[in-house]
Protein backbone atom coordinates (compact mmCIF):
# COMPACT_ATOMS: atom_id res chain seq x y z
CA MET A 1 38.84 22.31 222.59
CA ASP A 2 36.17 23.01 225.17
CA THR A 3 37.14 23.32 228.80
CA GLU A 4 35.39 20.86 231.09
CA PRO A 5 33.28 22.29 233.93
CA ALA A 6 34.93 22.51 237.33
CA SER A 7 33.08 21.44 240.47
CA SER A 8 33.45 23.36 243.70
CA GLY A 9 31.32 22.10 246.57
CA SER A 10 27.70 21.88 245.52
CA SER A 11 27.99 24.43 242.72
CA THR A 12 29.33 23.95 239.21
CA HIS A 13 31.38 26.66 237.52
CA PHE A 14 31.63 26.67 233.71
CA SER A 15 34.31 28.38 231.75
CA VAL A 16 33.14 30.97 229.27
CA GLU A 17 34.22 28.81 226.33
CA TYR A 18 32.41 25.74 227.61
CA LYS A 19 29.27 27.66 228.50
CA ASN A 20 29.01 29.34 225.09
CA ALA A 21 30.11 26.37 222.98
CA SER A 22 27.53 25.36 220.40
CA ARG A 23 27.23 23.33 217.21
CA ALA A 24 24.00 25.05 216.25
CA GLU A 25 25.47 26.78 213.20
CA VAL A 26 26.26 23.47 211.52
CA LEU A 27 22.77 22.10 212.14
CA LEU A 28 21.08 25.25 210.91
CA GLY A 29 23.27 25.36 207.80
CA ILE A 30 22.66 21.71 206.89
CA SER A 31 18.92 22.04 207.44
CA ALA A 32 18.63 25.19 205.32
CA LEU A 33 20.83 23.70 202.59
CA PHE A 34 18.75 20.58 202.15
CA ILE A 35 15.47 22.47 202.25
CA VAL A 36 16.66 24.52 199.28
CA LEU A 37 18.36 21.70 197.36
CA SER A 38 15.57 19.17 197.79
CA THR A 39 12.95 21.71 196.73
CA ILE A 40 14.94 22.66 193.62
CA PHE A 41 15.56 19.06 192.58
CA THR A 42 11.94 18.07 193.15
CA GLY A 43 10.84 20.96 190.94
CA LEU A 44 13.35 19.95 188.25
CA ARG A 45 12.08 16.39 188.42
CA ALA A 46 8.53 17.58 187.81
CA TRP A 47 9.77 19.60 184.82
CA ALA A 48 11.72 16.63 183.43
CA ARG A 49 8.69 14.38 183.77
CA ARG A 50 6.60 16.91 181.88
CA LEU A 51 9.16 17.09 179.07
CA HIS A 52 9.30 13.31 178.92
CA GLY A 53 5.55 12.91 178.79
CA GLY A 54 4.29 9.41 179.28
CA SER A 55 1.85 8.08 181.83
CA TRP A 56 1.65 8.94 185.51
CA ILE A 57 3.81 6.84 187.87
CA TRP A 58 3.82 6.41 191.63
CA GLY A 59 7.12 8.26 191.89
CA ASP A 60 5.32 11.44 190.84
CA LEU A 61 3.48 11.21 194.17
CA LEU A 62 6.13 9.60 196.37
CA VAL A 63 8.83 12.19 195.70
CA PRO A 64 6.74 15.28 196.64
CA ILE A 65 5.51 13.53 199.80
CA SER A 66 9.09 12.65 200.67
CA LEU A 67 9.99 16.31 200.20
CA ILE A 68 7.30 17.29 202.73
CA PHE A 69 8.67 14.90 205.35
CA LEU A 70 12.26 15.99 204.69
CA ILE A 71 11.33 19.65 205.13
CA ALA A 72 9.53 18.66 208.34
CA MET A 73 12.73 16.99 209.57
CA CYS A 74 14.73 20.12 208.85
CA ALA A 75 12.07 22.30 210.47
CA VAL A 76 11.98 20.36 213.75
CA THR A 77 15.78 20.36 213.81
CA ILE A 78 15.80 24.14 213.49
CA ALA A 79 13.14 24.32 216.21
CA THR A 80 15.12 22.21 218.65
CA VAL A 81 18.19 24.36 218.03
CA LYS A 82 16.31 27.62 218.51
CA HIS A 83 14.07 26.59 221.41
CA GLY A 84 15.76 23.51 222.87
CA GLU A 85 19.40 24.63 222.86
CA PHE A 86 20.33 21.49 220.93
CA GLY A 87 24.01 21.47 220.01
CA ARG A 88 25.15 22.84 223.36
CA HIS A 89 26.52 20.93 226.34
CA ALA A 90 23.77 19.10 228.23
CA ASP A 91 24.90 20.11 231.73
CA VAL A 92 24.83 23.78 230.76
CA VAL A 93 21.31 23.43 229.35
CA MET A 94 20.14 21.53 232.44
CA LEU A 95 21.40 24.31 234.67
CA TYR A 96 20.18 27.34 232.73
CA ALA A 97 17.24 26.01 230.68
CA PRO A 98 15.95 22.72 232.16
CA ASP A 99 12.66 22.93 230.25
CA ALA A 100 14.60 22.86 226.98
CA MET A 101 15.77 19.33 227.79
CA VAL A 102 12.21 18.03 227.54
CA LEU A 103 11.81 19.54 224.07
CA ASN A 104 15.11 17.99 222.98
CA LEU A 105 14.12 14.55 224.23
CA LYS A 106 10.77 14.69 222.43
CA ILE A 107 12.15 15.88 219.11
CA VAL A 108 15.46 14.02 218.91
CA ASN A 109 14.23 10.70 220.30
CA PHE A 110 10.67 10.58 218.96
CA VAL A 111 9.65 13.12 216.31
CA LEU A 112 12.81 13.14 214.19
CA PRO A 113 13.20 9.32 213.99
CA CYS A 114 9.54 8.87 213.01
CA LEU A 115 9.87 11.43 210.22
CA TYR A 116 13.10 9.76 209.13
CA CYS A 117 11.37 6.38 208.71
CA ILE A 118 9.03 7.83 206.09
CA ALA A 119 11.44 10.29 204.46
CA ILE A 120 14.03 7.56 203.75
CA THR A 121 11.50 5.02 202.46
CA LEU A 122 9.56 6.99 199.84
CA PRO A 123 12.42 8.07 197.53
CA LYS A 124 13.86 4.54 197.58
CA LEU A 125 10.49 3.18 196.47
CA ALA A 126 10.41 5.79 193.69
CA VAL A 127 13.83 4.63 192.44
CA LEU A 128 12.76 0.98 192.60
CA GLU A 129 9.70 1.81 190.50
CA LEU A 130 11.98 3.26 187.82
CA TYR A 131 14.06 0.09 187.94
CA LEU A 132 10.96 -2.02 187.33
CA GLY A 133 10.10 0.14 184.33
CA VAL A 134 13.55 -0.29 182.76
CA PHE A 135 14.84 -3.77 183.57
CA ARG A 136 13.22 -6.94 182.27
CA GLU A 137 15.45 -9.65 183.73
CA ARG A 138 13.61 -11.92 186.15
CA LEU A 139 16.34 -11.67 188.80
CA ALA A 140 16.34 -7.87 188.66
CA ILE A 141 12.55 -7.69 188.94
CA TRP A 142 12.35 -10.03 191.92
CA SER A 143 15.27 -8.22 193.57
CA CYS A 144 13.41 -4.92 193.25
CA TYR A 145 10.29 -6.38 194.83
CA ALA A 146 12.30 -7.95 197.65
CA VAL A 147 14.09 -4.68 198.41
CA ALA A 148 10.78 -2.81 198.35
CA VAL A 149 9.20 -5.22 200.84
CA ILE A 150 12.21 -5.08 203.18
CA THR A 151 12.29 -1.28 202.98
CA ILE A 152 8.60 -0.95 203.82
CA LEU A 153 8.77 -3.47 206.68
CA THR A 154 11.85 -1.76 208.10
CA ALA A 155 10.05 1.58 208.09
CA ILE A 156 6.95 0.15 209.79
CA VAL A 157 8.91 -1.67 212.50
CA ASN A 158 11.16 1.32 213.23
CA PHE A 159 8.23 3.73 213.28
CA PHE A 160 6.20 1.86 215.88
CA THR A 161 9.25 0.79 217.89
CA THR A 162 10.23 4.45 218.18
CA ILE A 163 6.77 5.45 219.36
CA PHE A 164 6.59 2.70 221.99
CA GLN A 165 10.25 2.70 223.04
CA CYS A 166 9.26 3.78 226.57
CA ASN A 167 6.66 2.45 228.97
CA PRO A 168 4.93 4.72 229.77
CA MET A 169 5.56 6.85 226.68
CA ASP A 170 6.66 9.90 228.71
CA GLN A 171 9.06 7.89 230.85
CA MET A 172 12.06 9.57 229.22
CA TRP A 173 11.20 13.08 230.47
CA ASN A 174 8.77 12.21 233.25
CA PRO A 175 10.23 9.07 234.82
CA VAL A 176 8.33 6.81 237.19
CA PRO A 177 9.80 3.98 239.32
CA ASP A 178 8.11 1.14 237.43
CA GLY A 179 8.77 2.59 233.95
CA GLY A 180 11.58 1.95 231.52
CA CYS A 181 12.92 2.69 228.04
CA MET A 182 14.88 0.83 225.40
CA ASP A 183 18.48 1.61 224.61
CA VAL A 184 17.86 4.57 222.31
CA ARG A 185 21.26 4.51 220.63
CA ALA A 186 21.05 0.78 219.88
CA LEU A 187 17.49 1.21 218.60
CA PHE A 188 18.39 3.93 216.11
CA ARG A 189 21.70 2.36 215.13
CA TRP A 190 20.47 -1.16 214.33
CA GLY A 191 17.11 0.07 213.10
CA GLY A 192 18.94 1.77 210.23
CA PHE A 193 21.20 -1.18 209.43
CA PRO A 194 18.71 -2.80 206.96
CA ASN A 195 18.86 0.44 204.96
CA ILE A 196 22.57 -0.14 204.38
CA LEU A 197 21.91 -3.64 203.05
CA THR A 198 19.08 -2.54 200.77
CA ASN A 199 21.20 0.35 199.51
CA VAL A 200 23.92 -2.09 198.46
CA VAL A 201 21.41 -4.26 196.60
CA MET A 202 19.93 -1.21 194.88
CA LEU A 203 23.39 -0.43 193.52
CA LEU A 204 24.07 -3.99 192.36
CA ILE A 205 20.75 -4.40 190.50
CA PRO A 206 21.39 -1.81 187.75
CA LEU A 207 25.13 -2.41 187.50
CA SER A 208 24.76 -6.14 186.86
CA THR A 209 21.89 -5.58 184.42
CA VAL A 210 23.43 -2.74 182.38
CA ARG A 211 26.63 -4.74 181.99
CA HIS A 212 24.81 -7.36 179.90
CA LEU A 213 22.82 -4.93 177.75
CA GLN A 214 23.75 -4.60 174.07
CA LEU A 215 24.30 -0.85 174.15
CA ASP A 216 26.86 1.61 172.90
CA LYS A 217 29.79 2.00 175.27
CA LYS A 218 29.04 5.67 175.89
CA VAL A 219 25.42 4.88 176.73
CA LYS A 220 26.51 2.19 179.17
CA VAL A 221 28.92 4.55 180.89
CA GLY A 222 26.21 7.19 181.18
CA LEU A 223 23.72 4.74 182.69
CA ILE A 224 26.26 3.37 185.16
CA ALA A 225 27.31 6.88 186.19
CA THR A 226 23.67 7.79 186.80
CA PHE A 227 23.02 4.77 188.98
CA LEU A 228 26.29 5.23 190.86
CA THR A 229 24.93 8.45 192.33
CA GLY A 230 23.30 6.07 194.79
CA LEU A 231 26.78 5.57 196.27
CA ILE A 232 26.34 8.94 197.97
CA GLY A 233 23.24 7.66 199.73
CA LEU A 234 25.06 4.48 200.75
CA ALA A 235 27.92 6.54 202.15
CA ALA A 236 25.43 8.64 204.12
CA SER A 237 23.82 5.48 205.56
CA ILE A 238 27.17 4.06 206.67
CA THR A 239 28.28 7.38 208.15
CA ARG A 240 25.02 7.70 210.09
CA PHE A 241 25.47 4.18 211.46
CA ALA A 242 29.03 5.03 212.55
CA SER A 243 27.97 8.32 214.16
CA LEU A 244 25.33 6.53 216.23
CA THR A 245 27.90 3.94 217.24
CA HIS A 246 30.34 6.54 218.57
CA SER A 247 27.80 8.83 220.22
CA THR A 248 27.78 8.86 224.01
CA ALA A 249 25.04 9.43 226.56
CA SER A 250 27.23 11.54 228.86
CA ASP A 251 26.61 14.71 226.82
CA PRO A 252 23.73 13.85 224.45
CA LEU A 253 22.92 17.35 223.18
CA TRP A 254 26.52 17.87 222.09
CA HIS A 255 27.56 14.41 220.89
CA ALA A 256 24.30 13.65 219.06
CA VAL A 257 24.83 16.47 216.56
CA PRO A 258 26.70 14.36 213.94
CA ALA A 259 24.03 11.65 214.15
CA VAL A 260 21.26 14.21 213.59
CA ILE A 261 23.16 15.74 210.67
CA TRP A 262 23.45 12.38 208.92
CA THR A 263 19.87 11.49 209.81
CA ILE A 264 18.84 14.51 207.73
CA THR A 265 21.47 14.01 205.04
CA GLU A 266 20.63 10.39 204.20
CA PRO A 267 16.98 10.88 203.11
CA ALA A 268 17.92 14.17 201.44
CA ILE A 269 20.54 12.42 199.30
CA TYR A 270 18.11 9.70 198.29
CA LEU A 271 15.49 12.27 197.39
CA ILE A 272 18.03 14.02 195.15
CA VAL A 273 19.04 10.69 193.59
CA ALA A 274 15.38 9.85 192.92
CA CYS A 275 15.20 13.13 191.01
CA LEU A 276 18.52 12.78 189.17
CA VAL A 277 17.60 9.49 187.52
CA THR A 278 14.72 11.23 185.72
CA PHE A 279 16.81 14.06 184.22
CA LYS A 280 17.43 12.41 180.83
CA PRO A 281 15.08 14.83 178.98
CA PHE A 282 17.37 17.70 180.01
CA LEU A 283 20.41 15.92 178.58
CA THR A 284 18.54 15.05 175.40
CA ARG A 285 17.43 18.64 174.88
CA ALA A 286 20.92 20.00 175.58
CA LYS A 287 22.48 17.51 173.15
CA SER A 288 19.91 18.37 170.48
CA ARG A 289 20.63 22.08 170.80
CA ALA A 290 24.37 21.52 170.71
CA GLN A 291 24.14 19.49 167.49
CA SER A 292 21.64 21.73 165.70
CA PRO A 293 23.10 24.12 163.08
CA PRO A 294 23.28 27.81 163.93
CA PRO A 295 20.34 29.91 162.75
CA VAL A 296 20.71 31.71 159.42
CA PRO A 297 20.67 35.52 159.72
CA VAL A 298 17.62 37.24 158.32
CA GLU A 299 19.65 39.18 155.75
CA GLU A 300 21.19 36.01 154.34
CA SER A 301 17.98 34.02 154.38
CA THR A 302 16.10 36.67 152.38
CA GLU A 303 18.76 36.82 149.68
CA THR A 304 19.35 33.10 149.35
CA THR A 305 17.29 31.30 146.76
CA ALA A 306 16.14 27.75 147.27
CA PRO A 307 18.14 25.21 145.25
CA ALA A 308 16.40 23.71 142.29
CA TRP A 309 15.19 20.14 142.41
CA PRO A 310 16.44 17.76 141.21
CA PRO A 311 20.20 18.49 141.53
CA GLU A 312 22.20 19.37 138.45
CA ASN A 313 24.10 16.09 138.52
CA SER A 314 20.91 14.02 138.72
CA THR A 315 20.42 11.47 135.97
CA SER A 316 16.75 10.90 136.67
CA LEU A 317 13.84 11.64 134.37
CA ALA A 318 13.54 15.04 136.04
CA HIS A 319 16.06 16.35 133.50
CA SER A 320 13.76 15.68 130.58
CA LYS A 321 11.32 18.19 129.21
CA SER A 322 8.48 15.88 130.18
CA VAL A 323 8.94 16.93 133.81
CA ARG A 324 7.82 20.46 133.13
CA SER A 325 4.93 19.36 130.94
CA VAL A 326 3.70 16.78 133.45
CA MET A 327 3.93 19.08 136.47
CA SER A 328 2.30 22.01 134.66
CA ASN A 329 -0.76 19.94 133.76
CA VAL A 330 -1.29 18.27 137.15
CA LYS A 331 -3.89 20.72 138.42
CA SER A 332 -6.02 20.62 135.28
CA VAL A 333 -5.88 16.83 135.07
CA LYS A 334 -6.71 16.39 138.78
CA SER A 335 -9.72 18.65 138.51
CA ASN A 336 -11.24 16.58 135.69
CA MET A 337 -10.44 13.04 136.84
CA SER A 338 -10.76 10.97 139.98
CA LYS A 339 -7.66 9.93 141.92
CA LYS A 340 -7.76 6.34 140.79
CA SER A 341 -8.44 7.10 137.12
CA PHE A 342 -5.79 9.81 137.09
CA TRP A 343 -3.10 7.52 138.42
CA SER A 344 -4.14 4.69 136.09
CA ALA A 345 -4.11 6.95 133.05
CA THR A 346 -0.71 8.39 133.81
CA SER A 347 2.17 6.86 131.92
CA SER A 348 4.90 4.96 133.72
CA ASP A 349 7.49 7.68 133.11
CA SER A 350 5.13 10.37 134.33
CA ARG A 351 4.37 8.40 137.49
CA THR A 352 8.09 8.19 138.18
CA VAL A 353 8.47 11.93 137.72
CA LEU A 354 5.59 12.72 140.06
CA THR A 355 6.81 10.26 142.66
CA MET A 356 10.37 11.62 142.60
CA GLU A 357 9.12 15.18 142.79
CA ASN A 358 7.17 14.51 145.95
CA LEU A 359 9.83 12.25 147.46
CA GLY A 360 12.19 15.16 147.14
CA ASP A 361 9.81 17.25 149.19
CA ARG A 362 9.48 14.51 151.80
CA ASP A 363 13.24 14.02 152.09
CA ALA A 364 13.57 17.74 152.67
CA GLY A 365 11.12 17.48 155.53
CA ASP A 366 8.36 19.42 153.74
CA PHE A 367 5.41 17.18 154.53
CA GLY A 368 2.96 19.84 153.40
CA LYS A 369 4.11 19.51 149.79
CA SER A 370 4.09 15.73 150.08
CA ALA A 371 0.42 15.58 151.01
CA TRP A 372 -0.59 15.33 147.37
CA TYR A 373 1.77 12.39 146.84
CA ALA A 374 0.41 10.62 149.88
CA SER A 375 -3.16 10.95 148.62
CA TYR A 376 -2.46 9.50 145.21
CA ALA A 377 0.28 6.95 145.87
């Protein structure tokens, strides 16, 4: 526990522990972690979309833009730690680096919240777009549109309210007698409350819809598990709200650290979720490889002879001697007759033989050998 500063006359004496106390390591670690994770997941999403194919969707643009704003949030957080002494006790910073307080006020109260408004909105819109492409129930569709409108309006209101929270705008670090500012903590706390509500609705939309789908039980469980990853984002939203509720203005640089951490974590989680819901091509490919038979060694494949067609136990006309005579004369007959006249002149039994021969090739997956059958059938 940090030792509180002791006052003696007009001077303040700080203990060594209190003076050197800092939460900078946590902020730097969280920022670096989400820069790496969000970049990796965005790249994997692009790969999954390429494997899936299909047409271009808005999420292909929204997710990369969200990544840019998230990285910007992490970058300004690192900057305020390195150059603004954020994460240390405010009275220590005021005494030894008063100019750093101005940088902290600008970044923590203006720049970071504005970036947050955009970074939290774009991945949620990308997820809602996927919902609209999957669900066909009227209630689910209208719910998606309603959540999208509320999310966009919340971002717009919070963005401009943050910019104009003070009159004049520099009142917070350059106060004048007639100026004033809003309650910053209340602004950021209640400005993020609509995100909690929309997050809950975004969880309920797929769960209620998937429950009524006529799907295999395993498929349902997989879909529900995928959509439940949004619970992490909801937990981040609630935790951020709580951290802003319990933060105090007496030591803002120290007590605001948890709120800043969750302000970064919430949009990062939703960006990752927006990527995770597109990873089905990876699962499909992995399942296909797991179920495919092992490759035959070269030595065995060169010595193994292809089985004769039809099988020995077949009772079809392929057992008769007419099979060999019909198949041996196909080339000469084809060269002297048109397709239509050839097929008309062929006896019923011979047609059956030819059809079965080529169906055998098709069933074996050899479409090259079946081309002749397709042209005459």
